[in-house]
Amino acid sequence: MFVTPSGGLVPYSFSLLETCSNKVAEYEAIIIGLELAIEMHIDQLEVFGDSQLIILQINGQYEVRNAKLLPLYQRTKNLMV
């Protein structure tokens, strides 16, 4: 869900085609949201999530130790540039 500065809502949904962990799904959701924001030419974005681990990893407060999450983390960080 995107919320515009004026409070408007832009809903978006997607489905993952493979079974995965909650943490992988959280990263996939962030990646898809960032890609969509880039396509929409959004240059300022605030991201909210319910996984404290993922948020703290992205903010650089926690290290990514899970080998399966590392490529997703790197993709997320690349999209944030």
PDB file of N, CA and C in Angstrom:
ATOM      1  N   MET A   1       0.848  -1.162   0.000  1.00  0.00           N
ATOM      2  CA  MET A   1       0.000   0.000   0.000  1.00  0.00           C
ATOM      3  C   MET A   1       0.903   1.237   0.000  1.00  0.00           C
ATOM      4  N   PHE A   2       0.668   2.112  -0.928  1.00  0.00           N
ATOM      5  CA  PHE A   2       1.348   3.402  -0.942  1.00  0.00           C
ATOM      6  C   PHE A   2       0.378   4.444  -0.417  1.00  0.00           C
ATOM      7  N   VAL A   3       0.882   5.346   0.414  1.00  0.00           N
ATOM      8  CA  VAL A   3       0.083   6.455   0.920  1.00  0.00           C
ATOM      9  C   VAL A   3       0.714   7.730   0.380  1.00  0.00           C
ATOM     10  N   THR A   4      -0.065   8.515  -0.349  1.00  0.00           N
ATOM     11  CA  THR A   4       0.439   9.752  -0.937  1.00  0.00           C
ATOM     12  C   THR A   4       0.596  10.823   0.132  1.00  0.00           C
ATOM     13  N   PRO A   5       1.376  11.866  -0.145  1.00  0.00           N
ATOM     14  CA  PRO A   5       1.518  12.953   0.838  1.00  0.00           C
ATOM     15  C   PRO A   5       0.184  13.568   1.250  1.00  0.00           C
ATOM     16  N   SER A   6      -0.795  13.526   0.357  1.00  0.00           N
ATOM     17  CA  SER A   6      -2.107  14.098   0.686  1.00  0.00           C
ATOM     18  C   SER A   6      -3.028  13.092   1.384  1.00  0.00           C
ATOM     19  N   GLY A   7      -2.510  11.870   1.640  1.00  0.00           N
ATOM     20  CA  GLY A   7      -3.297  10.867   2.348  1.00  0.00           C
ATOM     21  C   GLY A   7      -4.033   9.903   1.447  1.00  0.00           C
ATOM     22  N   GLY A   8      -3.872  10.018   0.143  1.00  0.00           N
ATOM     23  CA  GLY A   8      -4.514   9.089  -0.779  1.00  0.00           C
ATOM     24  C   GLY A   8      -3.863   7.712  -0.696  1.00  0.00           C
ATOM     25  N   LEU A   9      -4.609   6.685  -1.025  1.00  0.00           N
ATOM     26  CA  LEU A   9      -4.106   5.318  -0.965  1.00  0.00           C
ATOM     27  C   LEU A   9      -3.947   4.747  -2.365  1.00  0.00           C
ATOM     28  N   VAL A  10      -2.822   4.088  -2.590  1.00  0.00           N
ATOM     29  CA  VAL A  10      -2.571   3.389  -3.849  1.00  0.00           C
ATOM     30  C   VAL A  10      -2.341   1.920  -3.486  1.00  0.00           C
ATOM     31  N   PRO A  11      -3.376   1.074  -3.594  1.00  0.00           N
ATOM     32  CA  PRO A  11      -3.216  -0.333  -3.221  1.00  0.00           C
ATOM     33  C   PRO A  11      -2.426  -1.105  -4.270  1.00  0.00           C
ATOM     34  N   TYR A  12      -1.724  -2.122  -3.819  1.00  0.00           N
ATOM     35  CA  TYR A  12      -0.968  -2.983  -4.726  1.00  0.00           C
ATOM     36  C   TYR A  12      -0.872  -4.348  -4.069  1.00  0.00           C
ATOM     37  N   SER A  13      -1.044  -5.386  -4.837  1.00  0.00           N
ATOM     38  CA  SER A  13      -0.899  -6.735  -4.286  1.00  0.00           C
ATOM     39  C   SER A  13      -0.070  -7.583  -5.240  1.00  0.00           C
ATOM     40  N   PHE A  14       0.510  -8.642  -4.705  1.00  0.00           N
ATOM     41  CA  PHE A  14       1.314  -9.559  -5.495  1.00  0.00           C
ATOM     42  C   PHE A  14       1.273 -10.919  -4.815  1.00  0.00           C
ATOM     43  N   SER A  15       1.692 -11.932  -5.532  1.00  0.00           N
ATOM     44  CA  SER A  15       1.775 -13.282  -4.987  1.00  0.00           C
ATOM     45  C   SER A  15       3.175 -13.816  -5.237  1.00  0.00           C
ATOM     46  N   LEU A  16       3.720 -14.486  -4.250  1.00  0.00           N
ATOM     47  CA  LEU A  16       4.995 -15.163  -4.424  1.00  0.00           C
ATOM     48  C   LEU A  16       4.704 -16.548  -4.975  1.00  0.00           C
ATOM     49  N   LEU A  17       5.481 -16.987  -5.936  1.00  0.00           N
ATOM     50  CA  LEU A  17       5.208 -18.248  -6.612  1.00  0.00           C
ATOM     51  C   LEU A  17       5.865 -19.448  -5.944  1.00  0.00           C
ATOM     52  N   GLU A  18       6.746 -19.196  -4.986  1.00  0.00           N
ATOM     53  CA  GLU A  18       7.432 -20.284  -4.293  1.00  0.00           C
ATOM     54  C   GLU A  18       7.180 -20.182  -2.798  1.00  0.00           C
ATOM     55  N   THR A  19       7.179 -21.314  -2.124  1.00  0.00           N
ATOM     56  CA  THR A  19       7.082 -21.328  -0.681  1.00  0.00           C
ATOM     57  C   THR A  19       8.375 -20.763  -0.104  1.00  0.00           C
ATOM     58  N   CYS A  20       8.249 -19.874   0.869  1.00  0.00           N
ATOM     59  CA  CYS A  20       9.442 -19.271   1.456  1.00  0.00           C
ATOM     60  C   CYS A  20       9.164 -18.889   2.902  1.00  0.00           C
ATOM     61  N   SER A  21      10.229 -18.520   3.608  1.00  0.00           N
ATOM     62  CA  SER A  21      10.083 -18.110   5.003  1.00  0.00           C
ATOM     63  C   SER A  21       9.442 -16.721   5.080  1.00  0.00           C
ATOM     64  N   ASN A  22       8.982 -16.364   6.251  1.00  0.00           N
ATOM     65  CA  ASN A  22       8.402 -15.032   6.456  1.00  0.00           C
ATOM     66  C   ASN A  22       9.419 -13.942   6.175  1.00  0.00           C
ATOM     67  N   LYS A  23      10.674 -14.173   6.569  1.00  0.00           N
ATOM     68  CA  LYS A  23      11.704 -13.160   6.363  1.00  0.00           C
ATOM     69  C   LYS A  23      11.991 -12.944   4.881  1.00  0.00           C
ATOM     70  N   VAL A  24      12.023 -14.021   4.108  1.00  0.00           N
ATOM     71  CA  VAL A  24      12.197 -13.897   2.661  1.00  0.00           C
ATOM     72  C   VAL A  24      11.006 -13.148   2.067  1.00  0.00           C
ATOM     73  N   ALA A  25       9.803 -13.474   2.506  1.00  0.00           N
ATOM     74  CA  ALA A  25       8.604 -12.795   2.014  1.00  0.00           C
ATOM     75  C   ALA A  25       8.645 -11.309   2.349  1.00  0.00           C
ATOM     76  N   GLU A  26       9.140 -10.947   3.544  1.00  0.00           N
ATOM     77  CA  GLU A  26       9.270  -9.534   3.929  1.00  0.00           C
ATOM     78  C   GLU A  26      10.230  -8.809   2.987  1.00  0.00           C
ATOM     79  N   TYR A  27      11.378  -9.420   2.726  1.00  0.00           N
ATOM     80  CA  TYR A  27      12.331  -8.808   1.801  1.00  0.00           C
ATOM     81  C   TYR A  27      11.739  -8.688   0.395  1.00  0.00           C
ATOM     82  N   GLU A  28      11.055  -9.732  -0.067  1.00  0.00           N
ATOM     83  CA  GLU A  28      10.440  -9.695  -1.399  1.00  0.00           C
ATOM     84  C   GLU A  28       9.431  -8.552  -1.487  1.00  0.00           C
ATOM     85  N   ALA A  29       8.658  -8.351  -0.430  1.00  0.00           N
ATOM     86  CA  ALA A  29       7.667  -7.268  -0.419  1.00  0.00           C
ATOM     87  C   ALA A  29       8.354  -5.904  -0.500  1.00  0.00           C
ATOM     88  N   ILE A  30       9.437  -5.742   0.246  1.00  0.00           N
ATOM     89  CA  ILE A  30      10.168  -4.468   0.195  1.00  0.00           C
ATOM     90  C   ILE A  30      10.750  -4.245  -1.197  1.00  0.00           C
ATOM     91  N   ILE A  31      11.329  -5.279  -1.770  1.00  0.00           N
ATOM     92  CA  ILE A  31      11.927  -5.166  -3.109  1.00  0.00           C
ATOM     93  C   ILE A  31      10.874  -4.793  -4.140  1.00  0.00           C
ATOM     94  N   ILE A  32       9.741  -5.472  -4.115  1.00  0.00           N
ATOM     95  CA  ILE A  32       8.671  -5.171  -5.069  1.00  0.00           C
ATOM     96  C   ILE A  32       8.167  -3.740  -4.870  1.00  0.00           C
ATOM     97  N   GLY A  33       8.009  -3.331  -3.618  1.00  0.00           N
ATOM     98  CA  GLY A  33       7.568  -1.967  -3.340  1.00  0.00           C
ATOM     99  C   GLY A  33       8.562  -0.928  -3.838  1.00  0.00           C
ATOM    100  N   LEU A  34       9.850  -1.182  -3.626  1.00  0.00           N
ATOM    101  CA  LEU A  34      10.875  -0.249  -4.108  1.00  0.00           C
ATOM    102  C   LEU A  34      10.903  -0.195  -5.635  1.00  0.00           C
ATOM    103  N   GLU A  35      10.794  -1.350  -6.275  1.00  0.00           N
ATOM    104  CA  GLU A  35      10.773  -1.376  -7.746  1.00  0.00           C
ATOM    105  C   GLU A  35       9.567  -0.615  -8.285  1.00  0.00           C
ATOM    106  N   LEU A  36       8.426  -0.798  -7.661  1.00  0.00           N
ATOM    107  CA  LEU A  36       7.221  -0.088  -8.082  1.00  0.00           C
ATOM    108  C   LEU A  36       7.386   1.417  -7.878  1.00  0.00           C
ATOM    109  N   ALA A  37       7.963   1.812  -6.746  1.00  0.00           N
ATOM    110  CA  ALA A  37       8.193   3.232  -6.482  1.00  0.00           C
ATOM    111  C   ALA A  37       9.128   3.836  -7.528  1.00  0.00           C
ATOM    112  N   ILE A  38      10.143   3.092  -7.930  1.00  0.00           N
ATOM    113  CA  ILE A  38      11.067   3.573  -8.969  1.00  0.00           C
ATOM    114  C   ILE A  38      10.328   3.746 -10.293  1.00  0.00           C
ATOM    115  N   GLU A  39       9.487   2.762 -10.640  1.00  0.00           N
ATOM    116  CA  GLU A  39       8.701   2.858 -11.879  1.00  0.00           C
ATOM    117  C   GLU A  39       7.748   4.046 -11.856  1.00  0.00           C
ATOM    118  N   MET A  40       7.262   4.393 -10.670  1.00  0.00           N
ATOM    119  CA  MET A  40       6.319   5.508 -10.529  1.00  0.00           C
ATOM    120  C   MET A  40       7.049   6.844 -10.353  1.00  0.00           C
ATOM    121  N   HIS A  41       8.375   6.809 -10.442  1.00  0.00           N
ATOM    122  CA  HIS A  41       9.214   8.007 -10.304  1.00  0.00           C
ATOM    123  C   HIS A  41       9.046   8.674  -8.941  1.00  0.00           C
ATOM    124  N   ILE A  42       8.883   7.859  -7.909  1.00  0.00           N
ATOM    125  CA  ILE A  42       8.805   8.370  -6.544  1.00  0.00           C
ATOM    126  C   ILE A  42      10.230   8.519  -6.044  1.00  0.00           C
ATOM    127  N   ASP A  43      10.612   9.736  -5.655  1.00  0.00           N
ATOM    128  CA  ASP A  43      12.001   9.961  -5.245  1.00  0.00           C
ATOM    129  C   ASP A  43      12.174  10.045  -3.734  1.00  0.00           C
ATOM    130  N   GLN A  44      11.096  10.021  -2.975  1.00  0.00           N
ATOM    131  CA  GLN A  44      11.178  10.013  -1.522  1.00  0.00           C
ATOM    132  C   GLN A  44      10.148   9.016  -1.011  1.00  0.00           C
ATOM    133  N   LEU A  45      10.609   8.112  -0.165  1.00  0.00           N
ATOM    134  CA  LEU A  45       9.740   7.015   0.258  1.00  0.00           C
ATOM    135  C   LEU A  45      10.059   6.643   1.703  1.00  0.00           C
ATOM    136  N   GLU A  46       9.036   6.419   2.485  1.00  0.00           N
ATOM    137  CA  GLU A  46       9.177   5.900   3.841  1.00  0.00           C
ATOM    138  C   GLU A  46       8.632   4.482   3.822  1.00  0.00           C
ATOM    139  N   VAL A  47       9.423   3.544   4.303  1.00  0.00           N
ATOM    140  CA  VAL A  47       9.023   2.139   4.289  1.00  0.00           C
ATOM    141  C   VAL A  47       8.728   1.693   5.714  1.00  0.00           C
ATOM    142  N   PHE A  48       7.609   1.011   5.890  1.00  0.00           N
ATOM    143  CA  PHE A  48       7.228   0.464   7.188  1.00  0.00           C
ATOM    144  C   PHE A  48       7.093  -1.044   7.045  1.00  0.00           C
ATOM    145  N   GLY A  49       7.472  -1.753   8.068  1.00  0.00           N
ATOM    146  CA  GLY A  49       7.345  -3.203   8.053  1.00  0.00           C
ATOM    147  C   GLY A  49       7.108  -3.725   9.453  1.00  0.00           C
ATOM    148  N   ASP A  50       6.642  -4.970   9.534  1.00  0.00           N
ATOM    149  CA  ASP A  50       6.371  -5.529  10.853  1.00  0.00           C
ATOM    150  C   ASP A  50       7.461  -6.489  11.323  1.00  0.00           C
ATOM    151  N   SER A  51       8.540  -6.624  10.551  1.00  0.00           N
ATOM    152  CA  SER A  51       9.655  -7.458  10.964  1.00  0.00           C
ATOM    153  C   SER A  51      10.793  -6.560  11.449  1.00  0.00           C
ATOM    154  N   GLN A  52      10.948  -6.508  12.766  1.00  0.00           N
ATOM    155  CA  GLN A  52      11.991  -5.667  13.336  1.00  0.00           C
ATOM    156  C   GLN A  52      13.366  -6.087  12.828  1.00  0.00           C
ATOM    157  N   LEU A  53      13.593  -7.390  12.679  1.00  0.00           N
ATOM    158  CA  LEU A  53      14.885  -7.875  12.197  1.00  0.00           C
ATOM    159  C   LEU A  53      15.205  -7.303  10.825  1.00  0.00           C
ATOM    160  N   ILE A  54      14.260  -7.386   9.896  1.00  0.00           N
ATOM    161  CA  ILE A  54      14.482  -6.891   8.534  1.00  0.00           C
ATOM    162  C   ILE A  54      14.722  -5.384   8.535  1.00  0.00           C
ATOM    163  N   ILE A  55      13.914  -4.649   9.265  1.00  0.00           N
ATOM    164  CA  ILE A  55      14.068  -3.192   9.329  1.00  0.00           C
ATOM    165  C   ILE A  55      15.440  -2.822   9.892  1.00  0.00           C
ATOM    166  N   LEU A  56      15.854  -3.493  10.968  1.00  0.00           N
ATOM    167  CA  LEU A  56      17.154  -3.191  11.567  1.00  0.00           C
ATOM    168  C   LEU A  56      18.309  -3.604  10.664  1.00  0.00           C
ATOM    169  N   GLN A  57      18.139  -4.673   9.891  1.00  0.00           N
ATOM    170  CA  GLN A  57      19.167  -5.058   8.921  1.00  0.00           C
ATOM    171  C   GLN A  57      19.297  -3.995   7.838  1.00  0.00           C
ATOM    172  N   ILE A  58      18.189  -3.558   7.303  1.00  0.00           N
ATOM    173  CA  ILE A  58      18.212  -2.554   6.234  1.00  0.00           C
ATOM    174  C   ILE A  58      18.795  -1.237   6.740  1.00  0.00           C
ATOM    175  N   ASN A  59      18.508  -0.893   7.992  1.00  0.00           N
ATOM    176  CA  ASN A  59      19.036   0.339   8.576  1.00  0.00           C
ATOM    177  C   ASN A  59      20.502   0.208   8.988  1.00  0.00           C
ATOM    178  N   GLY A  60      21.081  -0.987   8.848  1.00  0.00           N
ATOM    179  CA  GLY A  60      22.489  -1.196   9.182  1.00  0.00           C
ATOM    180  C   GLY A  60      22.760  -1.437  10.649  1.00  0.00           C
ATOM    181  N   GLN A  61      21.720  -1.625  11.453  1.00  0.00           N
ATOM    182  CA  GLN A  61      21.902  -1.850  12.883  1.00  0.00           C
ATOM    183  C   GLN A  61      22.179  -3.316  13.196  1.00  0.00           C
ATOM    184  N   TYR A  62      21.698  -4.224  12.344  1.00  0.00           N
ATOM    185  CA  TYR A  62      21.941  -5.654  12.501  1.00  0.00           C
ATOM    186  C   TYR A  62      22.656  -6.166  11.258  1.00  0.00           C
ATOM    187  N   GLU A  63      23.518  -7.131  11.464  1.00  0.00           N
ATOM    188  CA  GLU A  63      24.230  -7.785  10.375  1.00  0.00           C
ATOM    189  C   GLU A  63      23.331  -8.865   9.770  1.00  0.00           C
ATOM    190  N   VAL A  64      23.446  -9.063   8.465  1.00  0.00           N
ATOM    191  CA  VAL A  64      22.703 -10.140   7.800  1.00  0.00           C
ATOM    192  C   VAL A  64      23.583 -11.382   7.837  1.00  0.00           C
ATOM    193  N   ARG A  65      23.179 -12.375   8.601  1.00  0.00           N
ATOM    194  CA  ARG A  65      23.977 -13.597   8.759  1.00  0.00           C
ATOM    195  C   ARG A  65      23.409 -14.766   7.974  1.00  0.00           C
ATOM    196  N   ASN A  66      22.148 -14.685   7.629  1.00  0.00           N
ATOM    197  CA  ASN A  66      21.489 -15.768   6.901  1.00  0.00           C
ATOM    198  C   ASN A  66      21.864 -15.681   5.428  1.00  0.00           C
ATOM    199  N   ALA A  67      22.491 -16.729   4.915  1.00  0.00           N
ATOM    200  CA  ALA A  67      22.965 -16.735   3.528  1.00  0.00           C
ATOM    201  C   ALA A  67      21.820 -16.565   2.523  1.00  0.00           C
ATOM    202  N   LYS A  68      20.623 -17.029   2.848  1.00  0.00           N
ATOM    203  CA  LYS A  68      19.481 -16.883   1.939  1.00  0.00           C
ATOM    204  C   LYS A  68      18.975 -15.445   1.897  1.00  0.00           C
ATOM    205  N   LEU A  69      19.166 -14.703   2.977  1.00  0.00           N
ATOM    206  CA  LEU A  69      18.693 -13.324   3.031  1.00  0.00           C
ATOM    207  C   LEU A  69      19.694 -12.339   2.442  1.00  0.00           C
ATOM    208  N   LEU A  70      20.963 -12.694   2.408  1.00  0.00           N
ATOM    209  CA  LEU A  70      21.997 -11.765   1.966  1.00  0.00           C
ATOM    210  C   LEU A  70      21.761 -11.213   0.557  1.00  0.00           C
ATOM    211  N   PRO A  71      21.440 -12.040  -0.457  1.00  0.00           N
ATOM    212  CA  PRO A  71      21.172 -11.461  -1.781  1.00  0.00           C
ATOM    213  C   PRO A  71      19.955 -10.538  -1.792  1.00  0.00           C
ATOM    214  N   LEU A  72      18.946 -10.857  -0.990  1.00  0.00           N
ATOM    215  CA  LEU A  72      17.750 -10.016  -0.915  1.00  0.00           C
ATOM    216  C   LEU A  72      18.088  -8.691  -0.237  1.00  0.00           C
ATOM    217  N   TYR A  73      18.897  -8.752   0.788  1.00  0.00           N
ATOM    218  CA  TYR A  73      19.356  -7.540   1.473  1.00  0.00           C
ATOM    219  C   TYR A  73      20.146  -6.660   0.498  1.00  0.00           C
ATOM    220  N   GLN A  74      21.067  -7.265  -0.230  1.00  0.00           N
ATOM    221  CA  GLN A  74      21.885  -6.505  -1.180  1.00  0.00           C
ATOM    222  C   GLN A  74      21.027  -5.892  -2.277  1.00  0.00           C
ATOM    223  N   ARG A  75      20.044  -6.614  -2.774  1.00  0.00           N
ATOM    224  CA  ARG A  75      19.131  -6.090  -3.786  1.00  0.00           C
ATOM    225  C   ARG A  75      18.344  -4.905  -3.230  1.00  0.00           C
ATOM    226  N   THR A  76      17.878  -5.044  -1.998  1.00  0.00           N
ATOM    227  CA  THR A  76      17.143  -3.957  -1.341  1.00  0.00           C
ATOM    228  C   THR A  76      18.008  -2.715  -1.220  1.00  0.00           C
ATOM    229  N   LYS A  77      19.226  -2.888  -0.747  1.00  0.00           N
ATOM    230  CA  LYS A  77      20.124  -1.738  -0.574  1.00  0.00           C
ATOM    231  C   LYS A  77      20.447  -1.080  -1.918  1.00  0.00           C
ATOM    232  N   ASN A  78      20.610  -1.879  -2.964  1.00  0.00           N
ATOM    233  CA  ASN A  78      20.869  -1.322  -4.303  1.00  0.00           C
ATOM    234  C   ASN A  78      19.692  -0.513  -4.802  1.00  0.00           C
ATOM    235  N   LEU A  79      18.492  -0.952  -4.530  1.00  0.00           N
ATOM    236  CA  LEU A  79      17.302  -0.207  -4.969  1.00  0.00           C
ATOM    237  C   LEU A  79      17.116   1.079  -4.185  1.00  0.00           C
ATOM    238  N   MET A  80      17.683   1.139  -2.991  1.00  0.00           N
ATOM    239  CA  MET A  80      17.514   2.324  -2.148  1.00  0.00           C
ATOM    240  C   MET A  80      18.463   3.456  -2.531  1.00  0.00           C
ATOM    241  N   VAL A  81      19.403   3.189  -3.383  1.00  0.00           N
ATOM    242  CA  VAL A  81      20.378   4.229  -3.768  1.00  0.00           C
ATOM    243  C   VAL A  81      19.750   5.248  -4.694  1.00  0.00           C
TER     244      VAL A  81
END
